[in-house]
Amino acid sequence: MSEPGFWDTSALVPLCVKESKSSEARKYLDRYTPVVWWGTIAEIHSAVWRVMRDGKINQAQARQAIISARWLEATWQEIRPDEAVRDTACELLDRYPLRAADSLQLAAAMVWCRERPAGRPFLCADRRLGEAARATGFSVFSF
C-alpha cells in the first residue's frame, strides 16, 4: 500500500500527458497516493489545453489526457480552500518568491500535514516551488 504524498500540479501533468517525465511520475504514483490542492484539476485542464495549443499534442490526445486527469481525481485526497490555506499562502508569499497559485499549493500541503512537514513527501516538477517546499521542511521529490 502506498503512503500519501502531496502532489503539485506540475508532477501530475506528466501522468496525463506523455512526456519525458512520465515514466518517473508513474513510479512515484506507485509509491505515493496523491494529496492535492482543491484547484489542481483546473490547473491540469489548463496545462493540457495549453500543451495542445502549443502543438505538442493533438485534440484527441488532449481529451484522453483529461480522461486520465479525471481518473486521478477519483483517487486523490483534496485539500479544500479555507481561511487556513489562504492565510498560510499569504505568509509563504512573504517568505518565498512564489506565484500566488504556487503559494496556495504549498499552503494546502502545510494544512495537510498540520504544519509539520518534516519527512513528508512533496512531489513537484517546478524548481521554485520545490525549493520553497524544501525550505519549509518537506522531503521534495523533483523530476
Foldseek 3Di string as FASTA:
>chain_A
DAAAAEEDLQLCLCCLAPDPCVVVSVVVVVHHQYEWEPCSLVVSLVVLVVCCVVVVDDPVSSVSSNVSSVVSVVRYHYQYDDPQLVVQLVVLVVPFVDDSVLSSGLSSVCVVVVLPQAAGEYEHQDVRSQVSNVVSHHPYDYD
